N, C-alpha and C. Protein backbone atom coordinates (compact mmCIF):
# COMPACT_ATOMS: atom_id res chain seq x y z
N MET A 1 0.80 -1.20 0.00
CA MET A 1 0.00 0.00 0.00
C MET A 1 0.85 1.27 0.00
N PRO A 2 1.93 1.37 0.80
CA PRO A 2 2.76 2.58 0.76
C PRO A 2 3.36 2.82 -0.62
N GLU A 3 3.63 1.74 -1.37
CA GLU A 3 4.20 1.90 -2.71
C GLU A 3 3.23 2.64 -3.62
N ILE A 4 1.93 2.36 -3.47
CA ILE A 4 0.93 3.03 -4.30
C ILE A 4 0.91 4.52 -3.96
N HIS A 5 0.96 4.83 -2.66
CA HIS A 5 0.96 6.23 -2.23
C HIS A 5 2.18 6.96 -2.79
N LEU A 6 3.34 6.34 -2.72
CA LEU A 6 4.56 6.97 -3.21
C LEU A 6 4.51 7.16 -4.72
N CYS A 7 4.00 6.16 -5.44
CA CYS A 7 3.89 6.28 -6.90
C CYS A 7 2.94 7.41 -7.27
N THR A 8 1.84 7.53 -6.54
CA THR A 8 0.90 8.62 -6.79
C THR A 8 1.55 9.96 -6.52
N LYS A 9 2.30 10.06 -5.42
CA LYS A 9 3.01 11.31 -5.10
C LYS A 9 4.01 11.66 -6.20
N LEU A 10 4.74 10.65 -6.69
CA LEU A 10 5.70 10.90 -7.77
C LEU A 10 4.99 11.39 -9.02
N LYS A 11 3.90 10.73 -9.40
CA LYS A 11 3.17 11.10 -10.61
C LYS A 11 2.58 12.50 -10.49
N ASN A 12 1.96 12.80 -9.35
CA ASN A 12 1.34 14.12 -9.16
C ASN A 12 2.39 15.22 -9.14
N SER A 13 3.50 15.00 -8.45
CA SER A 13 4.55 16.01 -8.40
C SER A 13 5.14 16.25 -9.78
N SER A 14 5.34 15.19 -10.55
CA SER A 14 5.87 15.34 -11.90
C SER A 14 4.90 16.12 -12.78
N ARG A 15 3.62 15.83 -12.66
CA ARG A 15 2.61 16.50 -13.47
C ARG A 15 2.55 17.99 -13.13
N ILE A 16 2.65 18.32 -11.85
CA ILE A 16 2.60 19.71 -11.42
C ILE A 16 3.80 20.48 -11.94
N THR A 17 4.99 19.91 -11.84
CA THR A 17 6.19 20.63 -12.25
C THR A 17 6.23 20.88 -13.75
N ASP A 18 5.51 20.09 -14.55
CA ASP A 18 5.50 20.29 -15.99
C ASP A 18 4.84 21.60 -16.38
N LYS A 19 4.01 22.17 -15.52
CA LYS A 19 3.23 23.36 -15.86
C LYS A 19 3.97 24.68 -15.63
N PHE A 20 5.10 24.65 -14.92
CA PHE A 20 5.75 25.89 -14.53
C PHE A 20 7.19 25.93 -14.99
N ALA A 21 7.51 26.97 -15.74
CA ALA A 21 8.86 27.02 -16.32
C ALA A 21 9.48 28.40 -16.32
N GLU A 22 9.06 29.29 -15.43
CA GLU A 22 9.67 30.61 -15.43
C GLU A 22 9.80 31.16 -14.02
N GLY A 23 10.80 32.02 -13.82
CA GLY A 23 11.00 32.71 -12.56
C GLY A 23 11.21 31.79 -11.37
N GLU A 24 10.63 32.20 -10.25
CA GLU A 24 10.77 31.45 -9.00
C GLU A 24 10.19 30.05 -9.15
N LEU A 25 9.12 29.93 -9.94
CA LEU A 25 8.51 28.63 -10.14
C LEU A 25 9.45 27.67 -10.85
N ALA A 26 10.25 28.20 -11.76
CA ALA A 26 11.23 27.34 -12.46
C ALA A 26 12.27 26.83 -11.47
N GLU A 27 12.69 27.68 -10.53
CA GLU A 27 13.65 27.25 -9.53
C GLU A 27 13.05 26.17 -8.64
N LYS A 28 11.80 26.36 -8.24
CA LYS A 28 11.13 25.36 -7.41
C LYS A 28 10.95 24.06 -8.19
N LYS A 29 10.68 24.19 -9.49
CA LYS A 29 10.52 23.01 -10.34
C LYS A 29 11.80 22.18 -10.34
N VAL A 30 12.95 22.85 -10.46
CA VAL A 30 14.24 22.15 -10.45
C VAL A 30 14.45 21.44 -9.11
N GLU A 31 14.07 22.11 -8.00
CA GLU A 31 14.22 21.50 -6.68
C GLU A 31 13.34 20.25 -6.56
N VAL A 32 12.09 20.36 -7.02
CA VAL A 32 11.18 19.22 -6.94
C VAL A 32 11.69 18.06 -7.80
N GLU A 33 12.14 18.37 -9.00
CA GLU A 33 12.64 17.31 -9.89
C GLU A 33 13.85 16.61 -9.29
N ALA A 34 14.75 17.38 -8.66
CA ALA A 34 15.92 16.77 -8.02
C ALA A 34 15.49 15.88 -6.86
N ALA A 35 14.52 16.35 -6.09
CA ALA A 35 14.02 15.54 -4.96
C ALA A 35 13.34 14.27 -5.47
N LEU A 36 12.64 14.37 -6.58
CA LEU A 36 11.98 13.19 -7.16
C LEU A 36 13.00 12.16 -7.63
N VAL A 37 14.10 12.63 -8.21
CA VAL A 37 15.17 11.72 -8.64
C VAL A 37 15.74 10.99 -7.42
N ASP A 38 15.98 11.75 -6.34
CA ASP A 38 16.51 11.14 -5.12
C ASP A 38 15.53 10.11 -4.55
N LEU A 39 14.23 10.43 -4.59
CA LEU A 39 13.22 9.51 -4.07
C LEU A 39 13.16 8.24 -4.93
N LYS A 40 13.24 8.40 -6.24
CA LYS A 40 13.22 7.22 -7.12
C LYS A 40 14.42 6.31 -6.84
N LYS A 41 15.58 6.92 -6.60
CA LYS A 41 16.77 6.13 -6.26
C LYS A 41 16.57 5.39 -4.95
N ALA A 42 15.98 6.08 -3.97
CA ALA A 42 15.74 5.45 -2.66
C ALA A 42 14.75 4.30 -2.80
N LEU A 43 13.77 4.44 -3.67
CA LEU A 43 12.77 3.40 -3.87
C LEU A 43 13.35 2.14 -4.51
N GLU A 44 14.48 2.29 -5.18
CA GLU A 44 15.12 1.13 -5.80
C GLU A 44 15.76 0.21 -4.74
N GLY A 45 16.03 0.77 -3.57
CA GLY A 45 16.65 -0.01 -2.51
C GLY A 45 15.63 -0.47 -1.48
N ASN A 46 16.14 -0.97 -0.37
CA ASN A 46 15.29 -1.48 0.70
C ASN A 46 15.42 -0.68 1.99
N ASP A 47 16.10 0.45 1.94
CA ASP A 47 16.33 1.27 3.13
C ASP A 47 15.10 2.14 3.40
N THR A 48 14.26 1.67 4.32
CA THR A 48 13.01 2.39 4.59
C THR A 48 13.25 3.78 5.18
N ALA A 49 14.32 3.94 5.94
CA ALA A 49 14.62 5.26 6.50
C ALA A 49 14.95 6.25 5.39
N ALA A 50 15.72 5.81 4.40
CA ALA A 50 16.05 6.68 3.26
C ALA A 50 14.80 7.02 2.45
N ILE A 51 13.94 6.03 2.27
CA ILE A 51 12.69 6.26 1.52
C ILE A 51 11.83 7.28 2.26
N LYS A 52 11.72 7.12 3.57
CA LYS A 52 10.92 8.05 4.36
C LYS A 52 11.51 9.46 4.30
N THR A 53 12.83 9.56 4.43
CA THR A 53 13.50 10.86 4.38
C THR A 53 13.26 11.54 3.03
N GLU A 54 13.43 10.80 1.95
CA GLU A 54 13.26 11.37 0.62
C GLU A 54 11.79 11.73 0.35
N THR A 55 10.87 10.91 0.87
CA THR A 55 9.45 11.21 0.72
C THR A 55 9.10 12.51 1.43
N GLU A 56 9.61 12.67 2.65
CA GLU A 56 9.36 13.90 3.40
C GLU A 56 9.97 15.11 2.69
N LYS A 57 11.13 14.90 2.08
CA LYS A 57 11.79 15.98 1.34
C LYS A 57 10.93 16.41 0.14
N VAL A 58 10.41 15.45 -0.59
CA VAL A 58 9.54 15.75 -1.74
C VAL A 58 8.28 16.48 -1.26
N ALA A 59 7.70 16.03 -0.16
CA ALA A 59 6.49 16.66 0.37
C ALA A 59 6.77 18.10 0.77
N ALA A 60 7.88 18.35 1.45
CA ALA A 60 8.20 19.70 1.90
C ALA A 60 8.45 20.63 0.71
N ILE A 61 9.20 20.16 -0.26
CA ILE A 61 9.50 20.98 -1.43
C ILE A 61 8.23 21.20 -2.26
N SER A 62 7.38 20.19 -2.34
CA SER A 62 6.12 20.33 -3.07
C SER A 62 5.24 21.39 -2.41
N GLN A 63 5.27 21.45 -1.09
CA GLN A 63 4.48 22.47 -0.39
C GLN A 63 5.00 23.87 -0.70
N THR A 64 6.32 24.03 -0.78
CA THR A 64 6.85 25.35 -1.11
C THR A 64 6.50 25.71 -2.55
N LEU A 65 6.49 24.72 -3.44
CA LEU A 65 6.08 24.96 -4.82
C LEU A 65 4.61 25.38 -4.86
N GLY A 66 3.78 24.69 -4.09
CA GLY A 66 2.36 25.05 -4.03
C GLY A 66 2.16 26.47 -3.53
N ALA A 67 2.91 26.86 -2.51
CA ALA A 67 2.81 28.22 -1.98
C ALA A 67 3.24 29.24 -3.03
N ALA A 68 4.30 28.93 -3.76
CA ALA A 68 4.78 29.84 -4.81
C ALA A 68 3.76 29.93 -5.95
N MET A 69 3.14 28.80 -6.29
CA MET A 69 2.11 28.80 -7.33
C MET A 69 0.91 29.64 -6.89
N TYR A 70 0.51 29.49 -5.64
CA TYR A 70 -0.62 30.25 -5.11
C TYR A 70 -0.32 31.74 -5.15
N ALA A 71 0.89 32.11 -4.72
CA ALA A 71 1.29 33.52 -4.72
C ALA A 71 1.31 34.08 -6.14
N ALA A 72 1.82 33.31 -7.08
CA ALA A 72 1.88 33.77 -8.46
C ALA A 72 0.48 33.94 -9.05
N THR A 73 -0.40 33.02 -8.74
CA THR A 73 -1.78 33.10 -9.23
C THR A 73 -2.50 34.28 -8.60
N ALA A 74 -2.29 34.50 -7.31
CA ALA A 74 -2.94 35.61 -6.62
C ALA A 74 -2.44 36.95 -7.17
N ALA A 75 -1.17 37.03 -7.51
CA ALA A 75 -0.61 38.27 -8.04
C ALA A 75 -1.16 38.57 -9.43
N GLU A 76 -1.47 37.53 -10.20
CA GLU A 76 -1.96 37.72 -11.56
C GLU A 76 -3.47 37.97 -11.62
N ALA A 77 -4.17 37.61 -10.55
CA ALA A 77 -5.63 37.72 -10.56
C ALA A 77 -6.05 39.18 -10.58
N PRO A 78 -6.99 39.52 -11.45
CA PRO A 78 -7.46 40.90 -11.50
C PRO A 78 -8.28 41.22 -10.25
N LYS A 79 -8.14 42.43 -9.78
CA LYS A 79 -8.90 42.88 -8.62
C LYS A 79 -10.27 43.35 -9.11
N ALA A 80 -11.31 42.76 -8.58
CA ALA A 80 -12.67 43.12 -8.99
C ALA A 80 -13.17 44.30 -8.17
N ASP A 81 -13.67 45.31 -8.84
CA ASP A 81 -14.28 46.45 -8.16
C ASP A 81 -15.76 46.42 -8.49
N ASP A 82 -16.48 45.69 -7.65
CA ASP A 82 -17.90 45.52 -7.92
C ASP A 82 -18.78 46.49 -7.14
N GLY A 83 -18.14 47.44 -6.46
CA GLY A 83 -18.90 48.45 -5.73
C GLY A 83 -19.46 47.96 -4.41
N VAL A 84 -19.15 46.76 -4.01
CA VAL A 84 -19.66 46.22 -2.75
C VAL A 84 -18.68 46.55 -1.63
N GLU A 85 -19.22 47.04 -0.52
CA GLU A 85 -18.39 47.37 0.62
C GLU A 85 -18.80 46.50 1.80
N ASP A 86 -17.83 46.13 2.62
CA ASP A 86 -18.15 45.40 3.85
C ASP A 86 -18.84 46.35 4.82
N ALA A 87 -19.83 45.85 5.52
CA ALA A 87 -20.54 46.69 6.49
C ALA A 87 -21.02 45.83 7.65
N GLU A 88 -21.29 46.49 8.76
CA GLU A 88 -21.83 45.81 9.92
C GLU A 88 -23.32 46.08 10.01
N ILE A 89 -24.05 45.13 10.50
CA ILE A 89 -25.47 45.32 10.75
C ILE A 89 -25.61 45.76 12.20
N VAL A 90 -26.20 46.92 12.38
CA VAL A 90 -26.39 47.45 13.71
C VAL A 90 -27.89 47.49 13.99
N GLU A 91 -28.29 46.78 15.02
CA GLU A 91 -29.70 46.78 15.39
C GLU A 91 -29.96 47.92 16.34
N GLU A 92 -30.92 48.71 15.99
CA GLU A 92 -31.28 49.82 16.85
C GLU A 92 -32.48 49.42 17.71
N ALA A 93 -32.46 49.87 18.95
CA ALA A 93 -33.55 49.51 19.87
C ALA A 93 -34.76 50.39 19.72
């Protein structure tokens, strides 16, 4: 069962890194790809500690990539000015 989880993590991380190729995201992509190579090498052996370490490394780097992707998307999103303002409801007695 853990092998399925690791294979899914490898496939998903590889798919995500294919979409980003510029700026900070490109740097994160290189980090993720390097971590994936290390994880694949660890999976070829039987050292569970190394596999766990490399899996955690991929997860941590993937999270930083996700944060960078979120920040890049948020920066590109247009700000909507729909004329709506936040307000409080005040009940008068």
